């Protein structure tokens, strides 16, 4: 799974060059380096999900993922089911109180 995730991050970083995703690209590069440096994949997936949800705040929450470039939405759809399979206690170790903080004070509760 680590190799697949690494490849998907690399593809998303290389193909999406729109200037409004500059911060997301920086985050993808940082997470790619951490993943290849041996960091825990669960932690990386949580950070990736947060970065993807924050990448275009002009979209409402319903369209937050479907409105992104296909490489970003593919990456989200790759990590989301894997995170849903992980025990909630394990997820709570990595993030605060079961919420994903978004820009401007919004949050999304994960199942």
C-alpha atoms as a PDB file:
ATOM      1  CA  UNK A   1       0.000   0.000   0.000  1.00  0.00           C
ATOM      2  CA  UNK A   2       2.867   2.379   0.767  1.00  0.00           C
ATOM      3  CA  UNK A   3       4.168   2.094  -2.805  1.00  0.00           C
ATOM      4  CA  UNK A   4       0.718   2.646  -4.349  1.00  0.00           C
ATOM      5  CA  UNK A   5       0.126   5.670  -2.155  1.00  0.00           C
ATOM      6  CA  UNK A   6       3.556   7.061  -2.992  1.00  0.00           C
ATOM      7  CA  UNK A   7       2.922   6.664  -6.732  1.00  0.00           C
ATOM      8  CA  UNK A   8      -0.489   8.337  -6.519  1.00  0.00           C
ATOM      9  CA  UNK A   9       0.936  11.303  -4.608  1.00  0.00           C
ATOM     10  CA  UNK A  10       3.730  11.638  -7.174  1.00  0.00           C
ATOM     11  CA  UNK A  11       1.255  11.560 -10.088  1.00  0.00           C
ATOM     12  CA  UNK A  12      -1.035  14.122  -8.426  1.00  0.00           C
ATOM     13  CA  UNK A  13       1.924  16.401  -7.733  1.00  0.00           C
ATOM     14  CA  UNK A  14       3.277  16.213 -11.286  1.00  0.00           C
ATOM     15  CA  UNK A  15       0.020  16.527 -13.233  1.00  0.00           C
ATOM     16  CA  UNK A  16      -1.850  19.244 -11.345  1.00  0.00           C
ATOM     17  CA  UNK A  17      -0.037  22.508 -11.986  1.00  0.00           C
ATOM     18  CA  UNK A  18      -2.895  25.008 -11.617  1.00  0.00           C
ATOM     19  CA  UNK A  19      -1.745  28.011  -9.577  1.00  0.00           C
ATOM     20  CA  UNK A  20      -4.694  27.798  -7.162  1.00  0.00           C
ATOM     21  CA  UNK A  21      -3.344  24.459  -5.892  1.00  0.00           C
ATOM     22  CA  UNK A  22       0.152  25.716  -4.997  1.00  0.00           C
ATOM     23  CA  UNK A  23      -0.316  25.084  -1.264  1.00  0.00           C
ATOM     24  CA  UNK A  24      -1.719  21.611  -1.918  1.00  0.00           C
ATOM     25  CA  UNK A  25       1.238  20.782  -4.156  1.00  0.00           C
ATOM     26  CA  UNK A  26       3.644  21.864  -1.398  1.00  0.00           C
ATOM     27  CA  UNK A  27       1.783  19.643   1.047  1.00  0.00           C
ATOM     28  CA  UNK A  28       1.857  16.705  -1.388  1.00  0.00           C
ATOM     29  CA  UNK A  29       5.608  17.062  -1.791  1.00  0.00           C
ATOM     30  CA  UNK A  30       6.119  17.230   1.973  1.00  0.00           C
ATOM     31  CA  UNK A  31       3.960  14.149   2.554  1.00  0.00           C
ATOM     32  CA  UNK A  32       5.645  12.260  -0.279  1.00  0.00           C
ATOM     33  CA  UNK A  33       9.010  12.832   1.373  1.00  0.00           C
ATOM     34  CA  UNK A  34       7.679  11.785   4.775  1.00  0.00           C
ATOM     35  CA  UNK A  35       6.110   8.628   3.339  1.00  0.00           C
ATOM     36  CA  UNK A  36       9.322   7.629   1.587  1.00  0.00           C
ATOM     37  CA  UNK A  37      11.240   8.461   4.756  1.00  0.00           C
ATOM     38  CA  UNK A  38       9.412   5.726   6.646  1.00  0.00           C
ATOM     39  CA  UNK A  39       6.637   7.730   8.323  1.00  0.00           C
ATOM     40  CA  UNK A  40       3.494   5.862   9.387  1.00  0.00           C
ATOM     41  CA  UNK A  41       1.129   5.546   6.367  1.00  0.00           C
ATOM     42  CA  UNK A  42      -1.949   6.093   8.554  1.00  0.00           C
ATOM     43  CA  UNK A  43      -0.649   9.463   9.645  1.00  0.00           C
ATOM     44  CA  UNK A  44       0.202  10.344   6.043  1.00  0.00           C
ATOM     45  CA  UNK A  45      -3.283   9.344   4.834  1.00  0.00           C
ATOM     46  CA  UNK A  46      -4.923  11.499   7.527  1.00  0.00           C
ATOM     47  CA  UNK A  47      -2.799  14.476   6.548  1.00  0.00           C
ATOM     48  CA  UNK A  48      -3.506  13.845   2.864  1.00  0.00           C
ATOM     49  CA  UNK A  49      -7.246  13.726   3.424  1.00  0.00           C
ATOM     50  CA  UNK A  50      -7.071  17.016   5.327  1.00  0.00           C
ATOM     51  CA  UNK A  51      -4.953  18.641   2.590  1.00  0.00           C
ATOM     52  CA  UNK A  52      -7.299  17.477  -0.171  1.00  0.00           C
ATOM     53  CA  UNK A  53     -10.383  18.687   1.677  1.00  0.00           C
ATOM     54  CA  UNK A  54      -8.738  22.084   2.121  1.00  0.00           C
ATOM     55  CA  UNK A  55      -7.342  22.395  -1.393  1.00  0.00           C
ATOM     56  CA  UNK A  56     -10.251  24.376  -2.867  1.00  0.00           C
ATOM     57  CA  UNK A  57     -12.294  26.191  -0.239  1.00  0.00           C
ATOM     58  CA  UNK A  58     -14.460  27.832  -2.924  1.00  0.00           C
ATOM     59  CA  UNK A  59     -16.290  24.507  -3.318  1.00  0.00           C
ATOM     60  CA  UNK A  60     -19.051  23.631  -0.879  1.00  0.00           C
ATOM     61  CA  UNK A  61     -18.645  20.483   1.207  1.00  0.00           C
ATOM     62  CA  UNK A  62     -20.874  18.353  -1.024  1.00  0.00           C
ATOM     63  CA  UNK A  63     -18.708  19.115  -4.060  1.00  0.00           C
ATOM     64  CA  UNK A  64     -15.396  19.415  -2.222  1.00  0.00           C
ATOM     65  CA  UNK A  65     -13.877  16.252  -3.738  1.00  0.00           C
ATOM     66  CA  UNK A  66     -15.805  15.916  -6.994  1.00  0.00           C
ATOM     67  CA  UNK A  67     -14.836  19.479  -7.963  1.00  0.00           C
ATOM     68  CA  UNK A  68     -11.111  18.815  -7.652  1.00  0.00           C
ATOM     69  CA  UNK A  69      -8.833  17.712 -10.474  1.00  0.00           C
ATOM     70  CA  UNK A  70      -9.187  13.984 -11.211  1.00  0.00           C
ATOM     71  CA  UNK A  71      -5.753  13.175  -9.773  1.00  0.00           C
ATOM     72  CA  UNK A  72      -6.735  14.662  -6.412  1.00  0.00           C
ATOM     73  CA  UNK A  73     -10.122  12.990  -6.304  1.00  0.00           C
ATOM     74  CA  UNK A  74      -8.542   9.636  -7.254  1.00  0.00           C
ATOM     75  CA  UNK A  75      -6.085  10.043  -4.401  1.00  0.00           C
ATOM     76  CA  UNK A  76      -8.919  10.870  -1.990  1.00  0.00           C
ATOM     77  CA  UNK A  77     -10.956   7.858  -3.134  1.00  0.00           C
ATOM     78  CA  UNK A  78      -7.880   5.664  -2.660  1.00  0.00           C
ATOM     79  CA  UNK A  79      -7.243   6.701   0.951  1.00  0.00           C
ATOM     80  CA  UNK A  80     -10.782   7.268   2.238  1.00  0.00           C
ATOM     81  CA  UNK A  81     -11.932   3.595   2.253  1.00  0.00           C
ATOM     82  CA  UNK A  82      -8.672   2.557   3.904  1.00  0.00           C
ATOM     83  CA  UNK A  83      -9.140   5.109   6.658  1.00  0.00           C
ATOM     84  CA  UNK A  84     -12.727   3.963   7.205  1.00  0.00           C
ATOM     85  CA  UNK A  85     -11.470   0.425   7.870  1.00  0.00           C
ATOM     86  CA  UNK A  86      -9.145   1.607  10.617  1.00  0.00           C
ATOM     87  CA  UNK A  87     -10.371   1.483  14.197  1.00  0.00           C
ATOM     88  CA  UNK A  88     -11.672   4.825  15.519  1.00  0.00           C
ATOM     89  CA  UNK A  89      -9.356   4.602  18.544  1.00  0.00           C
ATOM     90  CA  UNK A  90      -6.372   4.379  16.229  1.00  0.00           C
ATOM     91  CA  UNK A  91      -7.571   7.398  14.243  1.00  0.00           C
ATOM     92  CA  UNK A  92      -8.089   9.395  17.431  1.00  0.00           C
ATOM     93  CA  UNK A  93      -4.429   8.855  18.313  1.00  0.00           C
ATOM     94  CA  UNK A  94      -3.477  10.721  15.151  1.00  0.00           C
ATOM     95  CA  UNK A  95      -6.061  13.481  15.083  1.00  0.00           C
ATOM     96  CA  UNK A  96      -7.964  15.439  17.680  1.00  0.00           C
ATOM     97  CA  UNK A  97     -11.392  14.244  18.769  1.00  0.00           C
ATOM     98  CA  UNK A  98     -12.428  12.619  15.480  1.00  0.00           C
ATOM     99  CA  UNK A  99     -12.669  15.858  13.511  1.00  0.00           C
ATOM    100  CA  UNK A 100     -10.759  17.036  10.473  1.00  0.00           C
ATOM    101  CA  UNK A 101     -10.021  20.756  10.833  1.00  0.00           C
ATOM    102  CA  UNK A 102     -10.561  22.799   7.692  1.00  0.00           C
ATOM    103  CA  UNK A 103      -9.593  26.357   6.834  1.00  0.00           C
ATOM    104  CA  UNK A 104     -11.698  29.166   8.275  1.00  0.00           C
ATOM    105  CA  UNK A 105     -12.661  27.182  11.386  1.00  0.00           C
ATOM    106  CA  UNK A 106     -14.836  24.518   9.738  1.00  0.00           C
ATOM    107  CA  UNK A 107     -14.586  20.857  10.650  1.00  0.00           C
ATOM    108  CA  UNK A 108     -15.748  17.556   9.211  1.00  0.00           C
ATOM    109  CA  UNK A 109     -16.478  14.637  11.520  1.00  0.00           C
ATOM    110  CA  UNK A 110     -15.248  11.321  10.184  1.00  0.00           C
ATOM    111  CA  UNK A 111     -17.184   8.105  10.817  1.00  0.00           C
END
